[in-house]
Each structure stands twice: as structure tokens, then as C-alpha cells.
Amino acid sequence: MSDFISSDLSANEKNAWSTPQWLFDALHKEFAFCVDVAASADNKKCDAFIDKSQNALTMDNWGKSSHWLPALKNKAAWCNPPYARGQIKLFIEKAHQQCVDHKLTVVLLVPQTMDAGWWPDNATEIRVITHGRVSFEHPVSKKPINGNTKGSVVIIFKHADLDYPTITRYIKRDKLRALGIAAGSE
């Protein structure tokens, strides 16, 4: 996340805000993610993850098996990219490329900034989280922090749907939270 919430954090910490577990669980139930492509050991949401040193943006295939990443069975990747200047655009472009070239479904959580230059016109689905903002987890305390200055959206690139127009859906934050809490308790 960007530095708009806490300016006393280091540059690395400012980009290490974590997705709330309930939000990840709600989407994980649907997509069965096998890899978190923008993570650290402290904020990863999947056992298999790509951190800053491995640099997902320079990798050819996020789903390729290697010594540190098991073969992806479900071909679905989770991405809450760093919100630093230019990073969201790079991750969205890379997610689309991974979808096209490797048939990988990629789900990204990004700010609801439809007027931004990085806003995708090639996503297969966009889910706008309404009726409240997401409270991300602080990179140091790991506690959810209120004060997000923007809403959030889920952007989906799904290979089977690439030739169709983008679908836009709306989901209330509290409904998504209830789905995630239920999924996490299963």
C-alpha cells in the first residue's frame, strides 16, 4: 500500500500492507490460489509465493514449477501488488501477459481508481467492493487499520474469458467479509 496511511514506515514497509484474511479467504474459496505473486514471508497468503528478491515482474511464467514453487494445479495466482508509483500498472500488465501466455488466472486487489492511467481495459472481470472500504493489515503490527482513502476493486484475468467483454460486478464489503469468514472457518 502507499504511504498515505502511515509516514513513519520504511519504504519497504509502506509497500507491505497485507490483504485482510477474510478478503483473501472469500476469493480463495472461489479460485483456489496456488501462488501469491507479490508477497513476503511475513504477509504471504499462499505457501508458494514470489517475493521482491525473486521479482515476479521479470519472471517468464508464474506457474512454472521450480525448486521453490510447486507446480500449479489450479493455475490461479493471487496478487495484492505494491501500491508505489508505477507498480500497479506493471503488475496488471504482467498479470494479463501471464493469463494470455500461460493460461494462468490472476486475481488482483487494487485501489478503485477507474480514472488512473493503469486502469485495465482488457480484464475479464472487475468486482467493485461497495458500502465500505477495506482495512488492510499494518505491516508491523499486523492489525487492521482503518483510514484507507480509496475503495478497492478486484481485477480478474481469466484465460477462458479473454475474448469476451469485461464483466463488472458489485459486492458489498460486509457480504464479502461474511463469505470470507465462513470460508476461513471451513
C-alpha atoms as a PDB file:
ATOM      1  CA  MET A   1       0.000   0.000   0.000  1.00  0.00           C
ATOM      2  CA  SER A   2       1.032   3.555  -0.440  1.00  0.00           C
ATOM      3  CA  ASP A   3       2.372   5.810   2.268  1.00  0.00           C
ATOM      4  CA  PHE A   4      -0.857   7.739   2.742  1.00  0.00           C
ATOM      5  CA  ILE A   5      -1.730   5.941   5.971  1.00  0.00           C
ATOM      6  CA  SER A   6       1.494   5.956   7.937  1.00  0.00           C
ATOM      7  CA  SER A   7       4.514   8.056   7.095  1.00  0.00           C
ATOM      8  CA  ASP A   8       6.690   6.585   9.875  1.00  0.00           C
ATOM      9  CA  LEU A   9       7.197   3.358   7.912  1.00  0.00           C
ATOM     10  CA  SER A  10      10.257   2.468   5.859  1.00  0.00           C
ATOM     11  CA  ALA A  11       9.928   2.336   2.069  1.00  0.00           C
ATOM     12  CA  ASN A  12       9.694  -1.479   2.168  1.00  0.00           C
ATOM     13  CA  GLU A  13       7.078  -1.408   4.929  1.00  0.00           C
ATOM     14  CA  LYS A  14       4.960   1.105   3.018  1.00  0.00           C
ATOM     15  CA  ASN A  15       4.580  -1.492   0.261  1.00  0.00           C
ATOM     16  CA  ALA A  16       3.975  -4.419   2.619  1.00  0.00           C
ATOM     17  CA  TRP A  17       0.439  -3.812   3.858  1.00  0.00           C
ATOM     18  CA  SER A  18      -1.335  -7.152   3.905  1.00  0.00           C
ATOM     19  CA  THR A  19      -4.668  -8.221   2.490  1.00  0.00           C
ATOM     20  CA  PRO A  20      -7.177  -8.949   5.271  1.00  0.00           C
ATOM     21  CA  GLN A  21      -7.504 -12.705   5.704  1.00  0.00           C
ATOM     22  CA  TRP A  22     -11.298 -12.609   5.282  1.00  0.00           C
ATOM     23  CA  LEU A  23     -10.968 -10.963   1.855  1.00  0.00           C
ATOM     24  CA  PHE A  24      -8.371 -13.450   0.680  1.00  0.00           C
ATOM     25  CA  ASP A  25     -10.414 -16.398   2.042  1.00  0.00           C
ATOM     26  CA  ALA A  26     -13.550 -15.278   0.175  1.00  0.00           C
ATOM     27  CA  LEU A  27     -11.685 -15.203  -3.137  1.00  0.00           C
ATOM     28  CA  HIS A  28      -9.543 -18.259  -2.379  1.00  0.00           C
ATOM     29  CA  LYS A  29     -12.704 -20.342  -1.931  1.00  0.00           C
ATOM     30  CA  GLU A  30     -13.681 -19.448  -5.498  1.00  0.00           C
ATOM     31  CA  PHE A  31     -10.282 -19.506  -7.242  1.00  0.00           C
ATOM     32  CA  ALA A  32      -8.153 -21.912  -5.116  1.00  0.00           C
ATOM     33  CA  PHE A  33      -4.991 -19.826  -5.404  1.00  0.00           C
ATOM     34  CA  CYS A  34      -1.710 -21.678  -5.591  1.00  0.00           C
ATOM     35  CA  VAL A  35       0.707 -18.759  -5.504  1.00  0.00           C
ATOM     36  CA  ASP A  36       0.894 -15.238  -4.096  1.00  0.00           C
ATOM     37  CA  VAL A  37       2.944 -13.277  -6.631  1.00  0.00           C
ATOM     38  CA  ALA A  38       3.616 -10.064  -4.675  1.00  0.00           C
ATOM     39  CA  ALA A  39       4.384 -11.192  -1.158  1.00  0.00           C
ATOM     40  CA  SER A  40       6.942 -11.531   1.560  1.00  0.00           C
ATOM     41  CA  ALA A  41       7.441 -14.261   4.129  1.00  0.00           C
ATOM     42  CA  ASP A  42       5.588 -12.000   6.595  1.00  0.00           C
ATOM     43  CA  ASN A  43       2.477 -11.248   4.524  1.00  0.00           C
ATOM     44  CA  LYS A  44       2.121 -14.188   2.100  1.00  0.00           C
ATOM     45  CA  LYS A  45      -1.330 -15.649   1.597  1.00  0.00           C
ATOM     46  CA  CYS A  46      -0.212 -18.906  -0.063  1.00  0.00           C
ATOM     47  CA  ASP A  47       2.539 -21.366   0.836  1.00  0.00           C
ATOM     48  CA  ALA A  48       4.054 -20.737  -2.590  1.00  0.00           C
ATOM     49  CA  PHE A  49       4.899 -17.064  -3.010  1.00  0.00           C
ATOM     50  CA  ILE A  50       7.084 -14.758  -5.037  1.00  0.00           C
ATOM     51  CA  ASP A  51       8.888 -12.087  -3.055  1.00  0.00           C
ATOM     52  CA  LYS A  52      10.714  -8.909  -4.021  1.00  0.00           C
ATOM     53  CA  SER A  53      14.064 -10.689  -4.452  1.00  0.00           C
ATOM     54  CA  GLN A  54      12.515 -13.178  -6.898  1.00  0.00           C
ATOM     55  CA  ASN A  55      10.774 -10.306  -8.747  1.00  0.00           C
ATOM     56  CA  ALA A  56       7.539 -11.511 -10.309  1.00  0.00           C
ATOM     57  CA  LEU A  57       7.773  -8.733 -12.892  1.00  0.00           C
ATOM     58  CA  THR A  58      10.853 -10.292 -14.510  1.00  0.00           C
ATOM     59  CA  MET A  59       9.672 -13.920 -14.354  1.00  0.00           C
ATOM     60  CA  ASP A  60       8.595 -15.614 -17.555  1.00  0.00           C
ATOM     61  CA  ASN A  61       5.997 -17.921 -16.014  1.00  0.00           C
ATOM     62  CA  TRP A  62       4.486 -17.509 -12.552  1.00  0.00           C
ATOM     63  CA  GLY A  63       3.017 -21.011 -12.816  1.00  0.00           C
ATOM     64  CA  LYS A  64       6.179 -22.849 -13.847  1.00  0.00           C
ATOM     65  CA  SER A  65       7.455 -25.479 -11.467  1.00  0.00           C
ATOM     66  CA  SER A  66      10.852 -24.886  -9.903  1.00  0.00           C
ATOM     67  CA  HIS A  67      12.717 -25.760  -6.752  1.00  0.00           C
ATOM     68  CA  TRP A  68      10.910 -23.044  -4.761  1.00  0.00           C
ATOM     69  CA  LEU A  69       7.489 -23.087  -6.411  1.00  0.00           C
ATOM     70  CA  PRO A  70       5.425 -26.260  -6.738  1.00  0.00           C
ATOM     71  CA  ALA A  71       3.612 -26.940  -9.999  1.00  0.00           C
ATOM     72  CA  LEU A  72       0.335 -25.063 -10.010  1.00  0.00           C
ATOM     73  CA  LYS A  73      -2.609 -27.419 -10.342  1.00  0.00           C
ATOM     74  CA  ASN A  74      -5.388 -24.862 -10.443  1.00  0.00           C
ATOM     75  CA  LYS A  75      -3.466 -22.233 -12.380  1.00  0.00           C
ATOM     76  CA  ALA A  76      -4.689 -19.347 -10.219  1.00  0.00           C
ATOM     77  CA  ALA A  77      -2.475 -16.619  -8.785  1.00  0.00           C
ATOM     78  CA  TRP A  78      -3.240 -14.016  -6.113  1.00  0.00           C
ATOM     79  CA  CYS A  79      -1.758 -10.519  -6.341  1.00  0.00           C
ATOM     80  CA  ASN A  80      -2.067  -7.580  -3.965  1.00  0.00           C
ATOM     81  CA  PRO A  81       0.654  -5.538  -5.694  1.00  0.00           C
ATOM     82  CA  PRO A  82       2.707  -2.818  -4.065  1.00  0.00           C
ATOM     83  CA  TYR A  83       0.915   0.491  -4.487  1.00  0.00           C
ATOM     84  CA  ALA A  84       4.104   2.521  -5.016  1.00  0.00           C
ATOM     85  CA  ARG A  85       4.218   4.741  -8.094  1.00  0.00           C
ATOM     86  CA  GLY A  86       4.046   2.679 -11.290  1.00  0.00           C
ATOM     87  CA  GLN A  87       3.881  -0.722  -9.608  1.00  0.00           C
ATOM     88  CA  ILE A  88       0.162  -1.371 -10.058  1.00  0.00           C
ATOM     89  CA  LYS A  89       0.398  -0.765 -13.802  1.00  0.00           C
ATOM     90  CA  LEU A  90       3.375  -3.128 -14.118  1.00  0.00           C
ATOM     91  CA  PHE A  91       1.625  -5.900 -12.180  1.00  0.00           C
ATOM     92  CA  ILE A  92      -1.595  -5.506 -14.184  1.00  0.00           C
ATOM     93  CA  GLU A  93       0.329  -5.729 -17.455  1.00  0.00           C
ATOM     94  CA  LYS A  94       2.251  -8.770 -16.211  1.00  0.00           C
ATOM     95  CA  ALA A  95      -0.956 -10.427 -14.970  1.00  0.00           C
ATOM     96  CA  HIS A  96      -2.533 -10.051 -18.412  1.00  0.00           C
ATOM     97  CA  GLN A  97       0.604 -11.443 -20.054  1.00  0.00           C
ATOM     98  CA  GLN A  98       0.597 -14.444 -17.663  1.00  0.00           C
ATOM     99  CA  CYS A  99      -3.054 -15.073 -18.498  1.00  0.00           C
ATOM    100  CA  VAL A 100      -2.518 -14.895 -22.256  1.00  0.00           C
ATOM    101  CA  ASP A 101       0.808 -16.738 -22.468  1.00  0.00           C
ATOM    102  CA  HIS A 102       0.400 -19.342 -19.724  1.00  0.00           C
ATOM    103  CA  LYS A 103      -3.384 -19.626 -19.251  1.00  0.00           C
ATOM    104  CA  LEU A 104      -2.986 -18.526 -15.639  1.00  0.00           C
ATOM    105  CA  THR A 105      -5.964 -16.944 -13.902  1.00  0.00           C
ATOM    106  CA  VAL A 106      -4.715 -13.902 -11.999  1.00  0.00           C
ATOM    107  CA  VAL A 107      -6.755 -12.011  -9.405  1.00  0.00           C
ATOM    108  CA  LEU A 108      -5.509  -8.607  -8.247  1.00  0.00           C
ATOM    109  CA  LEU A 109      -6.655  -6.349  -5.414  1.00  0.00           C
ATOM    110  CA  VAL A 110      -6.080  -2.698  -6.304  1.00  0.00           C
ATOM    111  CA  PRO A 111      -7.442   0.762  -5.470  1.00  0.00           C
ATOM    112  CA  GLN A 112     -10.746   1.751  -7.024  1.00  0.00           C
ATOM    113  CA  THR A 113      -9.214   4.377  -9.276  1.00  0.00           C
ATOM    114  CA  MET A 114     -11.002   3.993 -12.578  1.00  0.00           C
ATOM    115  CA  ASP A 115      -9.573   7.263 -13.887  1.00  0.00           C
ATOM    116  CA  ALA A 116      -5.955   6.103 -13.423  1.00  0.00           C
ATOM    117  CA  GLY A 117      -3.759   5.554 -16.460  1.00  0.00           C
ATOM    118  CA  TRP A 118      -3.150   1.967 -15.351  1.00  0.00           C
ATOM    119  CA  TRP A 119      -6.844   1.008 -15.296  1.00  0.00           C
ATOM    120  CA  PRO A 120      -7.133  -2.159 -17.431  1.00  0.00           C
ATOM    121  CA  ASP A 121      -9.355  -2.289 -20.498  1.00  0.00           C
ATOM    122  CA  ASN A 122      -8.554  -5.964 -21.064  1.00  0.00           C
ATOM    123  CA  ALA A 123      -9.591  -7.552 -17.751  1.00  0.00           C
ATOM    124  CA  THR A 124     -12.179 -10.297 -17.944  1.00  0.00           C
ATOM    125  CA  GLU A 125     -13.949  -9.170 -14.787  1.00  0.00           C
ATOM    126  CA  ILE A 126     -13.884  -6.273 -12.347  1.00  0.00           C
ATOM    127  CA  ARG A 127     -15.535  -6.561  -8.933  1.00  0.00           C
ATOM    128  CA  VAL A 128     -16.109  -3.272  -7.182  1.00  0.00           C
ATOM    129  CA  ILE A 129     -16.230  -3.529  -3.386  1.00  0.00           C
ATOM    130  CA  THR A 130     -19.027  -1.203  -2.246  1.00  0.00           C
ATOM    131  CA  HIS A 131     -20.539   0.053   1.020  1.00  0.00           C
ATOM    132  CA  GLY A 132     -17.267   0.428   2.898  1.00  0.00           C
ATOM    133  CA  ARG A 133     -13.538   0.358   2.461  1.00  0.00           C
ATOM    134  CA  VAL A 134     -11.090  -2.448   3.083  1.00  0.00           C
ATOM    135  CA  SER A 135      -8.933  -2.090   6.206  1.00  0.00           C
ATOM    136  CA  PHE A 136      -5.535  -3.508   5.278  1.00  0.00           C
ATOM    137  CA  GLU A 137      -3.261  -5.102   7.883  1.00  0.00           C
ATOM    138  CA  HIS A 138      -0.408  -2.937   9.154  1.00  0.00           C
ATOM    139  CA  PRO A 139       2.970  -4.304   8.009  1.00  0.00           C
ATOM    140  CA  VAL A 140       4.467  -4.194  11.519  1.00  0.00           C
ATOM    141  CA  SER A 141       1.589  -4.697  13.977  1.00  0.00           C
ATOM    142  CA  LYS A 142      -0.422  -6.984  11.633  1.00  0.00           C
ATOM    143  CA  LYS A 143      -3.605  -5.297  12.911  1.00  0.00           C
ATOM    144  CA  PRO A 144      -6.287  -3.999  10.524  1.00  0.00           C
ATOM    145  CA  ILE A 145      -6.043  -0.224  10.174  1.00  0.00           C
ATOM    146  CA  ASN A 146      -8.998   1.947   9.232  1.00  0.00           C
ATOM    147  CA  GLY A 147      -8.409   5.028   7.134  1.00  0.00           C
ATOM    148  CA  ASN A 148      -7.997   3.696   3.612  1.00  0.00           C
ATOM    149  CA  THR A 149      -8.562   6.765   1.429  1.00  0.00           C
ATOM    150  CA  LYS A 150      -9.864   4.823  -1.577  1.00  0.00           C
ATOM    151  CA  GLY A 151     -12.225   1.984  -2.237  1.00  0.00           C
ATOM    152  CA  SER A 152     -10.920  -1.323  -3.571  1.00  0.00           C
ATOM    153  CA  VAL A 153     -11.598  -3.459  -6.613  1.00  0.00           C
ATOM    154  CA  VAL A 154     -10.771  -6.986  -7.597  1.00  0.00           C
ATOM    155  CA  ILE A 155      -9.478  -7.288 -11.154  1.00  0.00           C
ATOM    156  CA  ILE A 156      -9.601 -10.729 -12.754  1.00  0.00           C
ATOM    157  CA  PHE A 157      -7.803 -12.073 -15.800  1.00  0.00           C
ATOM    158  CA  LYS A 158      -9.204 -15.483 -16.725  1.00  0.00           C
ATOM    159  CA  HIS A 159      -7.925 -17.132 -19.906  1.00  0.00           C
ATOM    160  CA  ALA A 160     -11.198 -18.821 -20.864  1.00  0.00           C
ATOM    161  CA  ASP A 161     -12.953 -15.428 -20.868  1.00  0.00           C
ATOM    162  CA  LEU A 162     -10.352 -13.270 -22.665  1.00  0.00           C
ATOM    163  CA  ASP A 163     -12.380 -12.924 -25.886  1.00  0.00           C
ATOM    164  CA  TYR A 164     -15.466 -11.606 -24.086  1.00  0.00           C
ATOM    165  CA  PRO A 165     -16.241  -8.065 -22.901  1.00  0.00           C
ATOM    166  CA  THR A 166     -15.263  -7.161 -19.353  1.00  0.00           C
ATOM    167  CA  ILE A 167     -17.908  -8.002 -16.777  1.00  0.00           C
ATOM    168  CA  THR A 168     -18.362  -5.536 -13.937  1.00  0.00           C
ATOM    169  CA  ARG A 169     -19.942  -6.707 -10.697  1.00  0.00           C
ATOM    170  CA  TYR A 170     -20.551  -5.027  -7.368  1.00  0.00           C
ATOM    171  CA  ILE A 171     -20.255  -6.695  -3.984  1.00  0.00           C
ATOM    172  CA  LYS A 172     -20.857  -5.159  -0.578  1.00  0.00           C
ATOM    173  CA  ARG A 173     -17.811  -5.249   1.652  1.00  0.00           C
ATOM    174  CA  ASP A 174     -19.735  -6.815   4.543  1.00  0.00           C
ATOM    175  CA  LYS A 175     -21.130  -9.573   2.317  1.00  0.00           C
ATOM    176  CA  LEU A 176     -17.624 -10.314   1.068  1.00  0.00           C
ATOM    177  CA  ARG A 177     -16.389 -10.338   4.680  1.00  0.00           C
ATOM    178  CA  ALA A 178     -19.147 -12.791   5.690  1.00  0.00           C
ATOM    179  CA  LEU A 179     -18.224 -15.061   2.765  1.00  0.00           C
ATOM    180  CA  GLY A 180     -14.571 -14.918   3.763  1.00  0.00           C
ATOM    181  CA  ILE A 181     -15.201 -15.612   7.433  1.00  0.00           C
ATOM    182  CA  ALA A 182     -17.384 -18.593   6.507  1.00  0.00           C
ATOM    183  CA  ALA A 183     -14.735 -19.891   4.074  1.00  0.00           C
ATOM    184  CA  GLY A 184     -11.969 -19.463   6.664  1.00  0.00           C
ATOM    185  CA  SER A 185     -13.848 -21.496   9.241  1.00  0.00           C
ATOM    186  CA  GLU A 186     -14.395 -24.474   6.943  1.00  0.00           C
END
